[in-house]
Amino acid sequence: MTSTVTQMLRAVASGLKIPTIIILLLLIALTVVLLGTLVAEYFTERKQLKGSIPQLIDEMQGKNTEELGEVIRSSGLLQRQKDAVLEVVSRGSLPEDTRIALAKKLLLDEEKHYLGRVRVSDLIAKVAPMFGLMGTLIPLAPGLIALGQGDTKTLSDSLLIAFDTTVAGLISAAVSLLISSVRKSWYAGYSSSLEAVMEAVLDITGGDGNEDE
């Protein structure tokens, strides 16, 4: 009975070797893609982000709705941030509670958008070491059997697969973790900037500032 169970477990482990290696290769490829998107995001978004939020808030003071929209459009905010703020500006005639609820909804939508961008890299950072460990342990069984039989070639091949899969899993996890850390730092700044501008817009449009001069 014990021998049968052991053989079944060995068969399952052996059958998982190729799928594990394939998954690790896919994780490496996906990590390279994510690294490329990070670089592209830096040049298309991060590098384009200009201007000081306190200075922008100062420029917004005393403006009516139309002038406020022009200030936002000409600011150094990201396009997504501009769209969110302009959405609140264009609803200046709504009751204060409604505008606050709208601003919170837009801020939440932005947070969800940025969370979606880091979800894949976070997942890779968690699962890549697991598959790396699987790729390490699975070849060791036939390697140990080969060692007992004096088959050094099979042993060396098994150890080589074990080392390669370990490195592949660790590299994927490390790079993905770095990508997630960088993006979370960027997105935290984006969210805080957007929230500050939203608060300023709500204050300005909450009083007489929502009436065109």
C-alpha atoms as a PDB file:
ATOM      1  CA  MET A   1       0.000   0.000   0.000  1.00  0.00           C
ATOM      2  CA  THR A   2       2.757   2.415   0.986  1.00  0.00           C
ATOM      3  CA  SER A   3       4.699   1.551  -2.137  1.00  0.00           C
ATOM      4  CA  THR A   4       1.668   2.223  -4.326  1.00  0.00           C
ATOM      5  CA  VAL A   5       1.021   5.620  -2.729  1.00  0.00           C
ATOM      6  CA  THR A   6       4.684   6.533  -3.097  1.00  0.00           C
ATOM      7  CA  GLN A   7       4.687   5.598  -6.760  1.00  0.00           C
ATOM      8  CA  MET A   8       1.529   7.634  -7.321  1.00  0.00           C
ATOM      9  CA  LEU A   9       3.065  10.688  -5.664  1.00  0.00           C
ATOM     10  CA  ARG A  10       6.230  10.247  -7.689  1.00  0.00           C
ATOM     11  CA  ALA A  11       4.202   9.985 -10.893  1.00  0.00           C
ATOM     12  CA  VAL A  12       2.310  13.180 -10.033  1.00  0.00           C
ATOM     13  CA  ALA A  13       5.536  15.037  -9.225  1.00  0.00           C
ATOM     14  CA  SER A  14       7.185  13.836 -12.431  1.00  0.00           C
ATOM     15  CA  GLY A  15       4.154  14.886 -14.452  1.00  0.00           C
ATOM     16  CA  LEU A  16       4.353  18.403 -12.999  1.00  0.00           C
ATOM     17  CA  LYS A  17       7.966  18.972 -14.053  1.00  0.00           C
ATOM     18  CA  ILE A  18       7.282  20.132 -17.615  1.00  0.00           C
ATOM     19  CA  PRO A  19       4.233  22.298 -16.691  1.00  0.00           C
ATOM     20  CA  THR A  20       6.267  23.927 -13.921  1.00  0.00           C
ATOM     21  CA  ILE A  21       9.100  24.772 -16.293  1.00  0.00           C
ATOM     22  CA  ILE A  22       6.636  26.140 -18.863  1.00  0.00           C
ATOM     23  CA  ILE A  23       4.952  28.320 -16.219  1.00  0.00           C
ATOM     24  CA  LEU A  24       8.320  29.659 -15.086  1.00  0.00           C
ATOM     25  CA  LEU A  25       9.204  30.568 -18.667  1.00  0.00           C
ATOM     26  CA  LEU A  26       5.863  32.334 -19.024  1.00  0.00           C
ATOM     27  CA  LEU A  27       6.449  34.207 -15.772  1.00  0.00           C
ATOM     28  CA  ILE A  28       9.857  35.353 -16.985  1.00  0.00           C
ATOM     29  CA  ALA A  29       8.372  36.512 -20.292  1.00  0.00           C
ATOM     30  CA  LEU A  30       5.574  38.344 -18.479  1.00  0.00           C
ATOM     31  CA  THR A  31       8.088  39.971 -16.156  1.00  0.00           C
ATOM     32  CA  VAL A  32      10.046  41.273 -19.149  1.00  0.00           C
ATOM     33  CA  VAL A  33       6.811  42.684 -20.595  1.00  0.00           C
ATOM     34  CA  LEU A  34       5.991  44.378 -17.294  1.00  0.00           C
ATOM     35  CA  LEU A  35       9.466  45.872 -17.146  1.00  0.00           C
ATOM     36  CA  GLY A  36       8.962  47.236 -20.647  1.00  0.00           C
ATOM     37  CA  THR A  37       5.607  48.749 -19.717  1.00  0.00           C
ATOM     38  CA  LEU A  38       7.205  50.374 -16.671  1.00  0.00           C
ATOM     39  CA  VAL A  39       9.830  52.056 -18.836  1.00  0.00           C
ATOM     40  CA  ALA A  40       7.180  53.109 -21.346  1.00  0.00           C
ATOM     41  CA  GLU A  41       4.997  54.466 -18.550  1.00  0.00           C
ATOM     42  CA  TYR A  42       7.907  56.520 -17.254  1.00  0.00           C
ATOM     43  CA  PHE A  43       8.420  58.262 -20.594  1.00  0.00           C
ATOM     44  CA  THR A  44       4.730  58.601 -21.543  1.00  0.00           C
ATOM     45  CA  GLU A  45       3.300  59.575 -18.150  1.00  0.00           C
ATOM     46  CA  ARG A  46       5.758  60.013 -15.313  1.00  0.00           C
ATOM     47  CA  LYS A  47       8.166  62.222 -17.256  1.00  0.00           C
ATOM     48  CA  GLN A  48       5.272  64.347 -18.524  1.00  0.00           C
ATOM     49  CA  LEU A  49       4.035  65.068 -15.000  1.00  0.00           C
ATOM     50  CA  LYS A  50       5.095  68.634 -14.302  1.00  0.00           C
ATOM     51  CA  GLY A  51       4.127  71.501 -12.060  1.00  0.00           C
ATOM     52  CA  SER A  52       3.702  72.036  -8.351  1.00  0.00           C
ATOM     53  CA  ILE A  53       0.417  71.138  -6.698  1.00  0.00           C
ATOM     54  CA  PRO A  54       0.588  74.061  -4.204  1.00  0.00           C
ATOM     55  CA  GLN A  55       1.281  76.440  -7.094  1.00  0.00           C
ATOM     56  CA  LEU A  56      -1.641  74.978  -9.067  1.00  0.00           C
ATOM     57  CA  ILE A  57      -3.958  75.413  -6.098  1.00  0.00           C
ATOM     58  CA  ASP A  58      -2.829  79.027  -5.771  1.00  0.00           C
ATOM     59  CA  GLU A  59      -3.577  79.627  -9.455  1.00  0.00           C
ATOM     60  CA  MET A  60      -7.071  78.177  -8.993  1.00  0.00           C
ATOM     61  CA  GLN A  61      -8.055  80.628  -6.264  1.00  0.00           C
ATOM     62  CA  GLY A  62     -10.647  83.236  -7.179  1.00  0.00           C
ATOM     63  CA  LYS A  63     -11.473  81.677 -10.550  1.00  0.00           C
ATOM     64  CA  ASN A  64     -14.941  81.071 -11.865  1.00  0.00           C
ATOM     65  CA  THR A  65     -15.967  77.753 -13.393  1.00  0.00           C
ATOM     66  CA  GLU A  66     -14.741  78.528 -16.905  1.00  0.00           C
ATOM     67  CA  GLU A  67     -11.436  79.966 -15.734  1.00  0.00           C
ATOM     68  CA  LEU A  68     -10.977  77.049 -13.349  1.00  0.00           C
ATOM     69  CA  GLY A  69     -11.377  74.626 -16.233  1.00  0.00           C
ATOM     70  CA  GLU A  70      -8.744  76.452 -18.251  1.00  0.00           C
ATOM     71  CA  VAL A  71      -6.297  76.363 -15.341  1.00  0.00           C
ATOM     72  CA  ILE A  72      -6.802  72.612 -14.969  1.00  0.00           C
ATOM     73  CA  ARG A  73      -6.417  71.947 -18.708  1.00  0.00           C
ATOM     74  CA  SER A  74      -3.149  73.910 -18.889  1.00  0.00           C
ATOM     75  CA  SER A  75      -1.739  72.362 -15.703  1.00  0.00           C
ATOM     76  CA  GLY A  76       0.965  69.716 -15.512  1.00  0.00           C
ATOM     77  CA  LEU A  77      -1.399  67.048 -14.213  1.00  0.00           C
ATOM     78  CA  LEU A  78      -1.769  63.716 -15.950  1.00  0.00           C
ATOM     79  CA  GLN A  79      -4.618  63.500 -18.434  1.00  0.00           C
ATOM     80  CA  ARG A  80      -6.533  61.082 -16.203  1.00  0.00           C
ATOM     81  CA  GLN A  81      -6.208  63.526 -13.301  1.00  0.00           C
ATOM     82  CA  LYS A  82      -7.375  66.418 -15.469  1.00  0.00           C
ATOM     83  CA  ASP A  83     -10.421  64.465 -16.613  1.00  0.00           C
ATOM     84  CA  ALA A  84     -11.369  63.596 -13.032  1.00  0.00           C
ATOM     85  CA  VAL A  85     -10.980  67.163 -11.767  1.00  0.00           C
ATOM     86  CA  LEU A  86     -12.821  68.656 -14.753  1.00  0.00           C
ATOM     87  CA  GLU A  87     -15.682  66.247 -14.071  1.00  0.00           C
ATOM     88  CA  VAL A  88     -16.093  67.814 -10.633  1.00  0.00           C
ATOM     89  CA  VAL A  89     -15.627  71.351 -11.981  1.00  0.00           C
ATOM     90  CA  SER A  90     -18.380  70.833 -14.561  1.00  0.00           C
ATOM     91  CA  ARG A  91     -20.775  69.756 -11.774  1.00  0.00           C
ATOM     92  CA  GLY A  92     -20.390  72.956  -9.783  1.00  0.00           C
ATOM     93  CA  SER A  93     -24.141  73.594  -9.738  1.00  0.00           C
ATOM     94  CA  LEU A  94     -24.878  70.350  -7.889  1.00  0.00           C
ATOM     95  CA  PRO A  95     -25.480  70.302  -4.122  1.00  0.00           C
ATOM     96  CA  GLU A  96     -22.338  70.161  -1.998  1.00  0.00           C
ATOM     97  CA  ASP A  97     -22.996  66.638  -0.704  1.00  0.00           C
ATOM     98  CA  THR A  98     -23.465  65.363  -4.247  1.00  0.00           C
ATOM     99  CA  ARG A  99     -20.240  66.949  -5.438  1.00  0.00           C
ATOM    100  CA  ILE A 100     -18.335  65.476  -2.502  1.00  0.00           C
ATOM    101  CA  ALA A 101     -19.770  62.024  -3.245  1.00  0.00           C
ATOM    102  CA  LEU A 102     -18.817  62.422  -6.904  1.00  0.00           C
ATOM    103  CA  ALA A 103     -15.265  63.435  -5.989  1.00  0.00           C
ATOM    104  CA  LYS A 104     -14.921  60.413  -3.702  1.00  0.00           C
ATOM    105  CA  LYS A 105     -16.221  58.140  -6.460  1.00  0.00           C
ATOM    106  CA  LEU A 106     -13.704  59.539  -8.956  1.00  0.00           C
ATOM    107  CA  LEU A 107     -10.859  59.166  -6.462  1.00  0.00           C
ATOM    108  CA  LEU A 108     -11.903  55.567  -5.811  1.00  0.00           C
ATOM    109  CA  ASP A 109     -12.008  54.868  -9.544  1.00  0.00           C
ATOM    110  CA  GLU A 110      -8.460  56.192  -9.880  1.00  0.00           C
ATOM    111  CA  GLU A 111      -7.252  54.017  -7.015  1.00  0.00           C
ATOM    112  CA  LYS A 112      -8.865  50.965  -8.620  1.00  0.00           C
ATOM    113  CA  HIS A 113      -7.220  51.812 -11.934  1.00  0.00           C
ATOM    114  CA  TYR A 114      -3.780  52.015 -10.361  1.00  0.00           C
ATOM    115  CA  LEU A 115      -4.408  48.908  -8.258  1.00  0.00           C
ATOM    116  CA  GLY A 116      -5.149  47.007 -11.449  1.00  0.00           C
ATOM    117  CA  ARG A 117      -1.786  48.039 -12.868  1.00  0.00           C
ATOM    118  CA  VAL A 118       0.167  46.528  -9.983  1.00  0.00           C
ATOM    119  CA  ARG A 119      -2.001  43.438  -9.503  1.00  0.00           C
ATOM    120  CA  VAL A 120      -0.123  41.310 -12.055  1.00  0.00           C
ATOM    121  CA  SER A 121       3.358  42.171 -10.769  1.00  0.00           C
ATOM    122  CA  ASP A 122       2.207  41.544  -7.185  1.00  0.00           C
ATOM    123  CA  LEU A 123       0.890  38.136  -8.210  1.00  0.00           C
ATOM    124  CA  ILE A 124       4.123  37.196  -9.980  1.00  0.00           C
ATOM    125  CA  ALA A 125       6.158  38.287  -6.952  1.00  0.00           C
ATOM    126  CA  LYS A 126       4.128  35.855  -4.826  1.00  0.00           C
ATOM    127  CA  VAL A 127       3.831  32.801  -7.076  1.00  0.00           C
ATOM    128  CA  ALA A 128       7.195  32.811  -8.884  1.00  0.00           C
ATOM    129  CA  PRO A 129       9.186  31.598  -5.833  1.00  0.00           C
ATOM    130  CA  MET A 130       6.628  28.816  -5.328  1.00  0.00           C
ATOM    131  CA  PHE A 131       7.066  27.502  -8.855  1.00  0.00           C
ATOM    132  CA  GLY A 132      10.819  27.978  -8.527  1.00  0.00           C
ATOM    133  CA  LEU A 133      10.763  25.782  -5.425  1.00  0.00           C
ATOM    134  CA  MET A 134       8.651  23.188  -7.229  1.00  0.00           C
ATOM    135  CA  GLY A 135      11.112  23.213 -10.111  1.00  0.00           C
ATOM    136  CA  THR A 136      13.892  22.683  -7.597  1.00  0.00           C
ATOM    137  CA  LEU A 137      12.382  19.783  -5.690  1.00  0.00           C
ATOM    138  CA  ILE A 138      10.794  17.803  -8.525  1.00  0.00           C
ATOM    139  CA  PRO A 139      14.072  16.902 -10.349  1.00  0.00           C
ATOM    140  CA  LEU A 140      15.791  15.951  -7.085  1.00  0.00           C
ATOM    141  CA  ALA A 141      13.932  12.613  -6.807  1.00  0.00           C
ATOM    142  CA  PRO A 142      15.266  11.153 -10.077  1.00  0.00           C
ATOM    143  CA  GLY A 143      18.605  12.784  -9.298  1.00  0.00           C
ATOM    144  CA  LEU A 144      18.892  10.978  -5.976  1.00  0.00           C
ATOM    145  CA  ILE A 145      17.858   7.707  -7.606  1.00  0.00           C
ATOM    146  CA  ALA A 146      20.539   8.243 -10.251  1.00  0.00           C
ATOM    147  CA  LEU A 147      23.083   8.971  -7.515  1.00  0.00           C
ATOM    148  CA  GLY A 148      22.306   5.622  -5.900  1.00  0.00           C
ATOM    149  CA  GLN A 149      22.805   3.899  -9.255  1.00  0.00           C
ATOM    150  CA  GLY A 150      26.021   5.764  -9.999  1.00  0.00           C
ATOM    151  CA  ASP A 151      24.480   7.585 -12.978  1.00  0.00           C
ATOM    152  CA  THR A 152      26.262  10.927 -12.648  1.00  0.00           C
ATOM    153  CA  LYS A 153      24.946  12.307 -15.946  1.00  0.00           C
ATOM    154  CA  THR A 154      21.302  12.012 -14.891  1.00  0.00           C
ATOM    155  CA  LEU A 155      22.250  13.468 -11.509  1.00  0.00           C
ATOM    156  CA  SER A 156      23.978  16.464 -13.062  1.00  0.00           C
ATOM    157  CA  ASP A 157      21.066  17.064 -15.432  1.00  0.00           C
ATOM    158  CA  SER A 158      18.598  16.973 -12.546  1.00  0.00           C
ATOM    159  CA  LEU A 159      20.664  19.373 -10.448  1.00  0.00           C
ATOM    160  CA  LEU A 160      21.038  21.726 -13.406  1.00  0.00           C
ATOM    161  CA  ILE A 161      17.260  21.872 -13.864  1.00  0.00           C
ATOM    162  CA  ALA A 162      16.837  22.427 -10.129  1.00  0.00           C
ATOM    163  CA  PHE A 163      19.286  25.353 -10.064  1.00  0.00           C
ATOM    164  CA  ASP A 164      17.898  26.937 -13.240  1.00  0.00           C
ATOM    165  CA  THR A 165      14.306  26.847 -12.052  1.00  0.00           C
ATOM    166  CA  THR A 166      15.295  28.307  -8.694  1.00  0.00           C
ATOM    167  CA  VAL A 167      17.082  31.206 -10.355  1.00  0.00           C
ATOM    168  CA  ALA A 168      14.200  31.753 -12.779  1.00  0.00           C
ATOM    169  CA  GLY A 169      11.660  31.934  -9.968  1.00  0.00           C
ATOM    170  CA  LEU A 170      13.769  34.267  -7.840  1.00  0.00           C
ATOM    171  CA  ILE A 171      14.566  36.623 -10.719  1.00  0.00           C
ATOM    172  CA  SER A 172      10.920  36.870 -11.741  1.00  0.00           C
ATOM    173  CA  ALA A 173       9.851  37.529  -8.167  1.00  0.00           C
ATOM    174  CA  ALA A 174      12.580  40.096  -7.499  1.00  0.00           C
ATOM    175  CA  VAL A 175      11.977  42.105 -10.681  1.00  0.00           C
ATOM    176  CA  SER A 176       8.187  41.982 -10.225  1.00  0.00           C
ATOM    177  CA  LEU A 177       8.525  43.128  -6.627  1.00  0.00           C
ATOM    178  CA  LEU A 178      10.686  46.030  -7.778  1.00  0.00           C
ATOM    179  CA  ILE A 179       8.137  46.979 -10.443  1.00  0.00           C
ATOM    180  CA  SER A 180       5.311  46.890  -7.902  1.00  0.00           C
ATOM    181  CA  SER A 181       7.287  49.001  -5.417  1.00  0.00           C
ATOM    182  CA  VAL A 182       8.121  51.656  -8.002  1.00  0.00           C
ATOM    183  CA  ARG A 183       4.579  51.838  -9.329  1.00  0.00           C
ATOM    184  CA  LYS A 184       3.000  51.959  -5.875  1.00  0.00           C
ATOM    185  CA  SER A 185       5.293  54.862  -5.011  1.00  0.00           C
ATOM    186  CA  TRP A 186       4.279  56.686  -8.185  1.00  0.00           C
ATOM    187  CA  TYR A 187       0.583  55.996  -7.751  1.00  0.00           C
ATOM    188  CA  ALA A 188       0.548  57.061  -4.110  1.00  0.00           C
ATOM    189  CA  GLY A 189       1.872  60.437  -5.243  1.00  0.00           C
ATOM    190  CA  TYR A 190      -0.697  60.635  -8.042  1.00  0.00           C
ATOM    191  CA  SER A 191      -3.552  59.868  -5.646  1.00  0.00           C
ATOM    192  CA  SER A 192      -2.456  62.380  -3.005  1.00  0.00           C
ATOM    193  CA  SER A 193      -2.020  65.094  -5.652  1.00  0.00           C
ATOM    194  CA  LEU A 194      -5.432  64.392  -7.148  1.00  0.00           C
ATOM    195  CA  GLU A 195      -7.060  64.392  -3.722  1.00  0.00           C
ATOM    196  CA  ALA A 196      -5.488  67.781  -2.864  1.00  0.00           C
ATOM    197  CA  VAL A 197      -6.669  69.323  -6.138  1.00  0.00           C
ATOM    198  CA  MET A 198     -10.136  67.819  -5.684  1.00  0.00           C
ATOM    199  CA  GLU A 199     -10.401  69.341  -2.209  1.00  0.00           C
ATOM    200  CA  ALA A 200      -9.381  72.733  -3.578  1.00  0.00           C
ATOM    201  CA  VAL A 201     -11.936  72.506  -6.392  1.00  0.00           C
ATOM    202  CA  LEU A 202     -14.701  71.570  -3.947  1.00  0.00           C
ATOM    203  CA  ASP A 203     -13.816  74.525  -1.736  1.00  0.00           C
ATOM    204  CA  ILE A 204     -13.663  76.968  -4.656  1.00  0.00           C
ATOM    205  CA  THR A 205     -16.849  75.782  -6.342  1.00  0.00           C
ATOM    206  CA  GLY A 206     -18.678  75.416  -3.051  1.00  0.00           C
ATOM    207  CA  GLY A 207     -19.300  79.099  -2.614  1.00  0.00           C
ATOM    208  CA  ASP A 208     -19.621  81.999  -4.936  1.00  0.00           C
ATOM    209  CA  GLY A 209     -16.806  80.559  -7.049  1.00  0.00           C
ATOM    210  CA  ASN A 210     -19.235  78.300  -8.900  1.00  0.00           C
ATOM    211  CA  GLU A 211     -20.859  81.287 -10.552  1.00  0.00           C
ATOM    212  CA  ASP A 212     -19.313  82.691 -13.673  1.00  0.00           C
ATOM    213  CA  GLU A 213     -18.283  86.277 -13.318  1.00  0.00           C
END
